[in-house]
């Protein structure tokens, strides 16, 4: 007698779980029903800024697998269908057809919650005016492109200077817009320490992007036609023909909360190493709606990234399908860019280390991406944190040009392995003048951090 797996969410985590479970069990053993409220499945939300900016030519290039392709693999994917309630005790979900409004209950033996995240959208006057856009889904990206086509103006305001904010600033700059970025922090990219964020600010200004720090948006101003005309802060107004909101996301766990499933301090679902929701033997969760273990701090953390979502899905699908897999945690690795400036971080910032009570030393080094004499060598700044007593690596941040960002992977592996900075200095990294100085910038930072740990006693 076959079991039924119900999946809530048709993107990375949900459909990775469904696909992996299908690889392990055929339709005669496992019926799979998935619900997705949007128009698209299995797509790269991370690619939306590059589609808007023109680096990616068409929307379809961001879609890894269409609903029809999932159905060909015996996954009953029901699009434009929203799950309105989870009945944990009754082992069923209430699904609503968004086209007709009709509602039906569907039973499950096993359930995967992959409801993702929702953008932060403060309740400001004018926030829903035409010309104000979030960029969470492909539908959002299409709406933004349609809005850009509908206006003759060339002034854009981006609210927020995190990953989405700086990437959308670049996209709009590529489209010929005069771009202003408003953010609440001391420097853009709050995922970096302020001293590294200052390098990003300087580079953005050099690109012609106006970056305004400590700017608290109070309202969106509209014209007689109702469309956005400016963004107001406490001290100024910034003219805008289009506004993009890039203030981050929060876990979309309203369904889980209503069902009584356990949530963490960041609002995300709590799971065990097998991605099973704590206290529930037949419910799993993954993607941007969960919290995960930070392997450096030892605490739960909210890190919404597509890389994690796909890994969660693989783990869930393996366990649902009768195999066994675990997701041990993360070290918080992320990369981005604004035009030719590359940004990367992994592990803890100074703020993070202080919050968990760690004593640390920091070092910052200036180096180049290649041997200094080799054509194309570009400047790179590497900041490294190490635990004061043990020398354990705690975090790395990198800002530079071509060849800078992916060097953070060296540090990510070292963090996962629990290496000390002294041990890192002996890493056998690849060297040739076109790729690196004889001492790679990350190893130079490790040498300096080793000296700082010794000096600190």
Protein backbone atom coordinates (compact mmCIF):
# COMPACT_ATOMS: atom_id res chain seq x y z
CA UNK A 1 0.00 0.00 0.00
CA UNK A 2 1.54 3.31 -1.10
CA UNK A 3 2.14 6.34 1.12
CA UNK A 4 1.43 9.96 0.22
CA UNK A 5 4.00 12.73 0.54
CA UNK A 6 2.63 16.27 0.50
CA UNK A 7 5.02 19.14 -0.23
CA UNK A 8 4.13 22.77 0.51
CA UNK A 9 6.24 24.96 -1.77
CA UNK A 10 7.36 24.36 -5.34
CA UNK A 11 10.80 25.93 -5.39
CA UNK A 12 14.28 24.85 -4.32
CA UNK A 13 13.80 22.95 -1.05
CA UNK A 14 10.35 21.57 -1.78
CA UNK A 15 10.97 20.27 -5.27
CA UNK A 16 14.48 19.04 -4.47
CA UNK A 17 12.89 16.98 -1.70
CA UNK A 18 10.16 15.70 -4.02
CA UNK A 19 12.63 14.86 -6.80
CA UNK A 20 15.04 13.04 -4.49
CA UNK A 21 12.20 11.06 -2.89
CA UNK A 22 10.99 10.09 -6.36
CA UNK A 23 14.46 8.84 -7.32
CA UNK A 24 14.35 6.49 -4.34
CA UNK A 25 10.72 5.40 -4.54
CA UNK A 26 8.49 4.89 -7.55
CA UNK A 27 4.85 6.02 -7.86
CA UNK A 28 3.59 2.60 -6.76
CA UNK A 29 5.33 3.09 -3.39
CA UNK A 30 5.07 6.84 -2.87
CA UNK A 31 2.47 9.27 -4.22
CA UNK A 32 3.82 12.84 -4.26
CA UNK A 33 1.53 15.87 -4.27
CA UNK A 34 3.07 19.35 -4.22
CA UNK A 35 1.37 22.74 -3.89
CA UNK A 36 2.80 26.00 -5.24
CA UNK A 37 0.91 29.29 -5.04
CA UNK A 38 2.98 31.04 -7.73
CA UNK A 39 3.24 30.67 -11.51
CA UNK A 40 6.70 29.06 -11.59
CA UNK A 41 8.54 26.12 -10.04
CA UNK A 42 12.19 25.32 -9.36
CA UNK A 43 13.66 28.69 -10.35
CA UNK A 44 16.63 30.79 -9.27
CA UNK A 45 15.44 33.80 -7.30
CA UNK A 46 19.13 34.72 -6.89
CA UNK A 47 19.28 35.33 -10.64
CA UNK A 48 16.51 37.94 -10.74
CA UNK A 49 18.82 41.00 -10.41
CA UNK A 50 20.91 39.73 -13.33
CA UNK A 51 17.80 39.20 -15.46
CA UNK A 52 16.59 42.71 -14.62
CA UNK A 53 20.04 44.11 -15.41
CA UNK A 54 20.23 42.31 -18.76
CA UNK A 55 23.04 39.84 -17.98
CA UNK A 56 20.47 37.04 -18.27
CA UNK A 57 18.44 37.46 -21.43
CA UNK A 58 15.14 35.78 -20.59
CA UNK A 59 13.11 34.73 -17.58
CA UNK A 60 13.02 31.10 -18.69
CA UNK A 61 16.79 30.81 -18.31
CA UNK A 62 16.25 31.04 -14.53
CA UNK A 63 13.88 28.06 -14.46
CA UNK A 64 15.61 24.77 -13.69
CA UNK A 65 12.54 22.54 -14.09
CA UNK A 66 9.03 23.45 -15.22
CA UNK A 67 5.81 22.12 -13.65
CA UNK A 68 5.31 19.91 -16.73
CA UNK A 69 8.76 18.36 -16.26
CA UNK A 70 7.97 17.58 -12.62
CA UNK A 71 4.67 15.99 -13.63
CA UNK A 72 6.47 13.84 -16.20
CA UNK A 73 8.36 12.37 -13.24
CA UNK A 74 5.11 11.43 -11.47
CA UNK A 75 5.08 14.42 -9.12
CA UNK A 76 1.58 15.90 -8.94
CA UNK A 77 2.56 19.57 -8.81
CA UNK A 78 -0.47 21.83 -8.47
CA UNK A 79 0.32 25.40 -9.42
CA UNK A 80 -1.50 28.53 -8.25
CA UNK A 81 -2.67 26.53 -5.24
CA UNK A 82 -2.08 27.89 -1.77
CA UNK A 83 -2.08 25.81 1.39
CA UNK A 84 -4.29 27.65 3.87
CA UNK A 85 -3.97 25.35 6.89
CA UNK A 86 -2.11 22.33 8.25
CA UNK A 87 -4.03 19.87 10.42
CA UNK A 88 -1.18 18.11 12.19
CA UNK A 89 -3.31 15.66 14.19
CA UNK A 90 -5.55 14.84 11.24
CA UNK A 91 -2.55 14.57 8.88
CA UNK A 92 -4.08 16.73 6.18
CA UNK A 93 -3.66 20.16 4.56
CA UNK A 94 -6.29 22.59 3.30
CA UNK A 95 -5.47 23.73 -0.25
CA UNK A 96 -7.07 26.71 -1.96
CA UNK A 97 -7.21 27.10 -5.75
CA UNK A 98 -6.27 30.74 -6.32
CA UNK A 99 -8.12 30.86 -9.64
CA UNK A 100 -11.48 29.56 -8.43
CA UNK A 101 -11.27 30.02 -4.66
CA UNK A 102 -12.26 26.40 -4.13
CA UNK A 103 -10.83 24.60 -1.11
CA UNK A 104 -10.10 20.90 -0.57
CA UNK A 105 -8.45 18.82 2.14
CA UNK A 106 -5.61 16.51 1.13
CA UNK A 107 -4.33 13.85 3.51
CA UNK A 108 -0.67 12.99 3.99
CA UNK A 109 1.48 10.30 5.50
CA UNK A 110 4.53 12.53 5.29
CA UNK A 111 4.70 16.31 4.96
CA UNK A 112 7.41 18.70 3.78
CA UNK A 113 7.07 22.38 4.70
CA UNK A 114 9.08 24.53 2.27
CA UNK A 115 7.20 27.82 2.41
CA UNK A 116 10.28 30.00 1.92
CA UNK A 117 10.60 33.59 3.06
CA UNK A 118 8.71 36.82 2.58
CA UNK A 119 10.29 40.23 1.96
CA UNK A 120 10.28 42.81 4.71
CA UNK A 121 7.73 45.40 3.63
CA UNK A 122 7.07 48.01 6.32
CA UNK A 123 3.61 49.54 6.59
CA UNK A 124 4.63 52.94 5.25
CA UNK A 125 2.31 55.43 3.51
CA UNK A 126 2.51 54.81 -0.26
CA UNK A 127 4.34 51.48 0.04
CA UNK A 128 1.81 49.82 -2.31
CA UNK A 129 1.88 52.56 -4.94
CA UNK A 130 2.56 51.67 -8.59
CA UNK A 131 6.29 51.77 -9.22
CA UNK A 132 7.27 50.29 -5.82
CA UNK A 133 8.61 46.75 -6.17
CA UNK A 134 10.00 43.83 -4.22
CA UNK A 135 12.08 41.21 -6.02
CA UNK A 136 11.37 37.92 -4.27
CA UNK A 137 9.81 35.90 -7.11
CA UNK A 138 9.89 35.69 -10.91
CA UNK A 139 6.49 37.39 -10.89
CA UNK A 140 8.09 40.26 -8.95
CA UNK A 141 10.93 40.48 -11.48
CA UNK A 142 8.50 40.60 -14.39
CA UNK A 143 6.43 43.29 -12.67
CA UNK A 144 9.56 45.39 -12.15
CA UNK A 145 10.60 45.05 -15.79
CA UNK A 146 7.09 46.01 -16.90
CA UNK A 147 7.24 49.03 -14.61
CA UNK A 148 10.59 50.11 -16.03
CA UNK A 149 9.15 49.88 -19.54
CA UNK A 150 6.12 51.94 -18.50
CA UNK A 151 8.06 54.98 -17.31
CA UNK A 152 10.20 57.43 -19.24
CA UNK A 153 11.98 58.56 -16.08
CA UNK A 154 15.48 57.44 -15.21
CA UNK A 155 15.65 57.89 -11.43
CA UNK A 156 15.66 54.82 -9.20
CA UNK A 157 15.77 54.54 -5.42
CA UNK A 158 16.75 51.27 -3.77
CA UNK A 159 15.73 50.92 -0.12
CA UNK A 160 18.19 48.65 1.67
CA UNK A 161 21.86 47.86 1.04
CA UNK A 162 22.13 44.15 1.67
CA UNK A 163 22.72 41.56 -1.03
CA UNK A 164 19.51 42.29 -2.94
CA UNK A 165 19.93 46.04 -2.53
CA UNK A 166 23.44 46.26 -3.97
CA UNK A 167 22.67 43.75 -6.72
CA UNK A 168 19.56 45.68 -7.77
CA UNK A 169 21.53 48.93 -7.67
CA UNK A 170 23.93 47.39 -10.17
CA UNK A 171 21.07 46.11 -12.34
CA UNK A 172 19.42 49.51 -12.51
CA UNK A 173 22.74 51.22 -13.18
CA UNK A 174 23.25 48.86 -16.14
CA UNK A 175 19.84 49.91 -17.45
CA UNK A 176 20.90 53.55 -17.48
CA UNK A 177 19.21 54.71 -14.29
CA UNK A 178 20.45 57.32 -11.84
CA UNK A 179 20.55 55.18 -8.69
CA UNK A 180 20.26 56.19 -5.04
CA UNK A 181 20.57 53.59 -2.28
CA UNK A 182 19.06 54.41 1.12
CA UNK A 183 19.96 52.26 4.09
CA UNK A 184 19.64 52.44 7.86
CA UNK A 185 23.12 51.26 8.79
CA UNK A 186 26.46 52.93 9.22
CA UNK A 187 27.72 51.34 5.98
CA UNK A 188 26.19 49.24 3.18
CA UNK A 189 26.35 45.44 3.44
CA UNK A 190 25.60 44.93 7.13
CA UNK A 191 26.70 41.32 6.69
CA UNK A 192 30.23 42.74 6.71
CA UNK A 193 31.89 44.65 9.54
CA UNK A 194 31.61 48.45 9.12
CA UNK A 195 35.29 48.85 8.20
CA UNK A 196 34.79 46.45 5.28
CA UNK A 197 31.43 47.98 4.42
CA UNK A 198 33.22 51.30 4.08
CA UNK A 199 35.18 49.86 1.16
CA UNK A 200 31.89 48.89 -0.50
CA UNK A 201 30.48 52.39 0.07
CA UNK A 202 33.55 53.98 -1.49
CA UNK A 203 33.37 51.69 -4.53
CA UNK A 204 29.64 52.29 -5.04
CA UNK A 205 30.20 56.04 -4.96
CA UNK A 206 32.97 55.58 -7.53
CA UNK A 207 30.51 53.77 -9.81
CA UNK A 208 28.11 56.70 -9.68
CA UNK A 209 25.68 55.16 -7.18
CA UNK A 210 24.62 57.61 -4.47
CA UNK A 211 24.68 55.76 -1.14
CA UNK A 212 22.95 57.41 1.84
CA UNK A 213 23.66 55.95 5.28
CA UNK A 214 21.51 56.21 8.43
CA UNK A 215 18.49 56.93 6.23
CA UNK A 216 15.17 55.93 7.82
CA UNK A 217 12.45 55.87 5.16
CA UNK A 218 9.22 57.42 6.46
CA UNK A 219 6.93 57.32 3.42
CA UNK A 220 6.63 56.91 -0.34
CA UNK A 221 5.38 60.03 -2.07
CA UNK A 222 3.11 59.76 -5.09
CA UNK A 223 2.08 62.04 -7.93
CA UNK A 224 -1.37 62.97 -9.19
CA UNK A 225 -1.48 59.72 -11.18
CA UNK A 226 -0.90 57.73 -7.99
CA UNK A 227 2.50 56.51 -9.12
CA UNK A 228 5.63 56.87 -7.00
CA UNK A 229 7.47 60.18 -7.38
CA UNK A 230 9.86 60.23 -4.39
CA UNK A 231 11.02 58.49 -1.24
CA UNK A 232 10.99 60.52 1.97
CA UNK A 233 13.27 60.08 4.98
CA UNK A 234 13.40 62.07 8.22
CA UNK A 235 15.62 64.67 6.61
CA UNK A 236 15.18 64.63 2.84
CA UNK A 237 13.23 63.57 -0.24
CA UNK A 238 14.76 61.53 -3.06
CA UNK A 239 13.03 61.73 -6.48
CA UNK A 240 12.13 58.34 -7.89
CA UNK A 241 10.47 57.00 -11.02
CA UNK A 242 10.85 53.48 -9.62
CA UNK A 243 11.55 52.14 -6.12
CA UNK A 244 13.01 48.72 -5.31
CA UNK A 245 12.71 47.31 -1.81
CA UNK A 246 15.74 45.33 -0.70
CA UNK A 247 15.35 45.27 3.08
CA UNK A 248 15.82 41.56 3.55
CA UNK A 249 13.43 38.72 4.27
CA UNK A 250 11.89 36.87 7.20
CA UNK A 251 10.81 33.21 7.37
CA UNK A 252 7.33 32.57 5.94
CA UNK A 253 6.11 30.45 8.83
CA UNK A 254 2.57 31.72 9.43
CA UNK A 255 1.17 28.31 8.45
CA UNK A 256 3.60 26.51 10.73
CA UNK A 257 2.87 28.87 13.62
CA UNK A 258 -0.88 28.38 13.27
CA UNK A 259 -0.33 24.60 13.23
CA UNK A 260 1.68 24.72 16.44
CA UNK A 261 4.99 23.65 14.93
CA UNK A 262 8.12 24.74 16.85
CA UNK A 263 9.76 28.03 15.85
CA UNK A 264 13.10 29.53 16.87
CA UNK A 265 14.10 32.99 18.01
CA UNK A 266 14.37 34.20 14.41
CA UNK A 267 10.89 32.92 13.52
CA UNK A 268 12.09 29.94 11.49
CA UNK A 269 11.10 26.31 11.94
CA UNK A 270 13.32 24.17 14.14
CA UNK A 271 14.49 20.80 12.81
CA UNK A 272 16.87 18.03 13.77
CA UNK A 273 19.91 16.99 11.74
CA UNK A 274 17.70 14.99 9.36
CA UNK A 275 15.63 18.18 8.73
CA UNK A 276 12.68 16.61 10.55
CA UNK A 277 10.60 19.16 12.45
CA UNK A 278 11.38 18.73 16.13
CA UNK A 279 8.80 16.63 17.91
CA UNK A 280 7.11 15.45 14.70
CA UNK A 281 8.18 12.13 13.18
CA UNK A 282 6.43 12.58 9.83
CA UNK A 283 6.99 16.32 9.11
CA UNK A 284 10.14 17.79 7.57
CA UNK A 285 11.04 21.39 6.73
CA UNK A 286 13.74 23.08 4.67
CA UNK A 287 14.78 26.18 2.78
CA UNK A 288 14.23 29.78 3.77
CA UNK A 289 11.58 28.91 6.38
CA UNK A 290 13.98 27.12 8.76
CA UNK A 291 16.72 28.02 11.19
CA UNK A 292 19.98 26.08 11.06
CA UNK A 293 22.92 25.41 13.35
CA UNK A 294 25.85 27.81 13.05
CA UNK A 295 28.91 25.55 13.29
CA UNK A 296 31.12 28.41 14.47
CA UNK A 297 28.98 29.91 17.25
CA UNK A 298 27.03 26.76 18.12
CA UNK A 299 23.73 28.66 18.01
CA UNK A 300 20.70 28.57 15.76
CA UNK A 301 20.88 31.04 12.88
CA UNK A 302 18.67 32.22 10.02
CA UNK A 303 20.54 32.10 6.70
CA UNK A 304 18.17 32.16 3.69
CA UNK A 305 20.22 31.03 0.70
CA UNK A 306 19.43 28.86 -2.31
CA UNK A 307 22.51 26.71 -1.72
CA UNK A 308 21.19 25.66 1.68
CA UNK A 309 17.64 25.17 0.37
CA UNK A 310 18.75 22.69 -2.27
CA UNK A 311 20.87 20.77 0.25
CA UNK A 312 17.94 20.69 2.69
CA UNK A 313 15.76 19.26 -0.06
CA UNK A 314 18.25 16.53 -0.88
CA UNK A 315 18.50 15.55 2.78
CA UNK A 316 14.72 15.56 3.25
CA UNK A 317 14.08 13.59 0.06
CA UNK A 318 16.64 10.98 1.05
CA UNK A 319 15.05 10.48 4.47
CA UNK A 320 11.49 10.47 3.11
CA UNK A 321 12.55 7.96 0.46
CA UNK A 322 13.94 5.51 2.99
CA UNK A 323 17.61 6.42 2.81
CA UNK A 324 19.46 8.44 5.46
CA UNK A 325 21.10 11.86 5.27
CA UNK A 326 21.83 14.79 7.57
CA UNK A 327 22.44 18.53 7.30
CA UNK A 328 25.02 19.35 9.99
CA UNK A 329 24.83 23.15 9.77
CA UNK A 330 26.41 26.18 8.12
CA UNK A 331 29.30 28.58 8.58
CA UNK A 332 27.50 31.48 6.92
CA UNK A 333 29.28 31.76 3.57
CA UNK A 334 27.95 34.25 1.02
CA UNK A 335 29.29 36.13 -2.00
CA UNK A 336 27.94 38.97 -4.08
CA UNK A 337 29.10 41.78 -6.33
CA UNK A 338 28.29 45.30 -7.39
CA UNK A 339 29.64 45.86 -10.89
CA UNK A 340 33.30 44.75 -10.75
CA UNK A 341 33.55 44.83 -6.95
CA UNK A 342 33.34 41.38 -5.34
CA UNK A 343 32.15 40.88 -1.76
CA UNK A 344 32.46 37.75 0.37
CA UNK A 345 32.09 36.65 3.96
CA UNK A 346 32.04 33.47 6.02
CA UNK A 347 31.87 32.76 9.72
CA UNK A 348 31.38 35.45 12.35
CA UNK A 349 31.61 39.23 12.20
CA UNK A 350 33.01 41.09 15.20
CA UNK A 351 29.43 41.80 16.31
CA UNK A 352 28.55 38.09 16.12
CA UNK A 353 31.61 37.07 18.14
CA UNK A 354 30.79 39.57 20.88
CA UNK A 355 27.17 38.41 21.04
CA UNK A 356 28.20 34.82 21.77
CA UNK A 357 30.87 35.88 24.26
CA UNK A 358 33.96 34.99 22.24
CA UNK A 359 37.25 36.82 22.80
CA UNK A 360 38.96 37.43 19.49
CA UNK A 361 41.68 39.19 17.55
CA UNK A 362 41.29 40.73 14.10
CA UNK A 363 43.72 41.45 11.30
CA UNK A 364 43.29 43.13 7.94
CA UNK A 365 45.67 42.70 5.01
CA UNK A 366 45.97 44.29 1.59
CA UNK A 367 47.09 42.03 -1.24
CA UNK A 368 46.43 41.27 -4.89
CA UNK A 369 44.49 38.63 -6.78
CA UNK A 370 47.54 37.57 -8.82
CA UNK A 371 51.28 38.04 -8.62
CA UNK A 372 51.83 41.79 -8.51
CA UNK A 373 53.87 41.78 -11.68
CA UNK A 374 51.32 39.77 -13.67
CA UNK A 375 48.89 41.73 -15.90
CA UNK A 376 45.44 42.16 -14.37
CA UNK A 377 46.50 41.89 -10.73
CA UNK A 378 43.77 43.62 -8.70
CA UNK A 379 43.74 44.91 -5.12
CA UNK A 380 42.06 42.80 -2.44
CA UNK A 381 41.34 43.40 1.24
CA UNK A 382 41.04 40.41 3.59
CA UNK A 383 39.84 40.67 7.19
CA UNK A 384 40.21 37.68 9.51
CA UNK A 385 38.91 36.94 13.01
CA UNK A 386 40.49 34.34 15.28
CA UNK A 387 39.68 33.20 18.79
CA UNK A 388 42.07 34.91 21.15
CA UNK A 389 43.09 31.96 23.32
CA UNK A 390 43.00 29.04 20.89
CA UNK A 391 43.67 30.67 17.53
CA UNK A 392 40.58 28.97 16.08
CA UNK A 393 39.45 30.68 12.89
CA UNK A 394 36.17 32.55 13.50
CA UNK A 395 35.50 34.43 10.28
CA UNK A 396 36.79 35.98 7.07
CA UNK A 397 35.58 38.90 4.96
CA UNK A 398 36.95 39.81 1.52
CA UNK A 399 36.39 42.85 -0.67
CA UNK A 400 38.18 43.16 -4.01
CA UNK A 401 38.03 42.88 -7.75
CA UNK A 402 38.15 39.85 -10.05
CA UNK A 403 39.34 36.73 -8.29
CA UNK A 404 38.54 37.96 -4.77
CA UNK A 405 35.18 36.54 -3.74
CA UNK A 406 35.63 32.81 -4.29
CA UNK A 407 38.75 32.81 -2.13
CA UNK A 408 36.33 32.83 0.78
CA UNK A 409 35.77 29.12 0.08
CA UNK A 410 39.22 28.40 1.54
CA UNK A 411 38.07 29.93 4.80
CA UNK A 412 34.69 28.17 4.65
CA UNK A 413 36.41 24.79 4.51
CA UNK A 414 38.78 25.79 7.32
CA UNK A 415 35.85 26.91 9.48
CA UNK A 416 33.96 23.68 8.85
CA UNK A 417 37.05 21.70 9.84
CA UNK A 418 37.57 23.80 12.98
CA UNK A 419 41.09 24.79 11.93
CA UNK A 420 43.28 27.28 13.71
CA UNK A 421 44.81 30.17 11.81
CA UNK A 422 48.25 28.69 12.45
CA UNK A 423 47.20 25.42 10.85
CA UNK A 424 45.84 27.37 7.89
CA UNK A 425 49.25 28.85 7.11
CA UNK A 426 50.39 25.38 5.99
CA UNK A 427 47.51 24.80 3.57
CA UNK A 428 48.80 23.51 0.23
CA UNK A 429 47.00 25.90 -2.11
CA UNK A 430 47.49 26.12 -5.84
CA UNK A 431 49.94 28.77 -7.06
CA UNK A 432 50.92 30.25 -10.38
CA UNK A 433 51.38 33.98 -11.13
CA UNK A 434 48.15 34.27 -13.21
CA UNK A 435 46.09 32.98 -10.26
CA UNK A 436 47.72 34.10 -7.03
CA UNK A 437 50.75 35.67 -5.37
CA UNK A 438 53.15 33.08 -3.99
CA UNK A 439 51.44 33.66 -0.63
CA UNK A 440 47.71 33.67 -1.22
CA UNK A 441 45.96 36.65 0.41
CA UNK A 442 43.98 34.34 2.74
CA UNK A 443 47.22 32.73 3.92
CA UNK A 444 48.83 36.13 4.43
CA UNK A 445 45.90 37.02 6.68
CA UNK A 446 46.28 33.69 8.51
CA UNK A 447 49.99 34.39 9.14
CA UNK A 448 49.18 37.83 10.50
CA UNK A 449 46.35 36.43 12.63
CA UNK A 450 48.70 33.77 14.04
CA UNK A 451 51.09 36.52 15.13
CA UNK A 452 48.20 38.49 16.68
CA UNK A 453 47.05 35.44 18.67
CA UNK A 454 50.58 34.92 20.01
CA UNK A 455 50.94 38.58 20.87
CA UNK A 456 47.65 38.48 22.75
CA UNK A 457 49.01 35.67 24.94
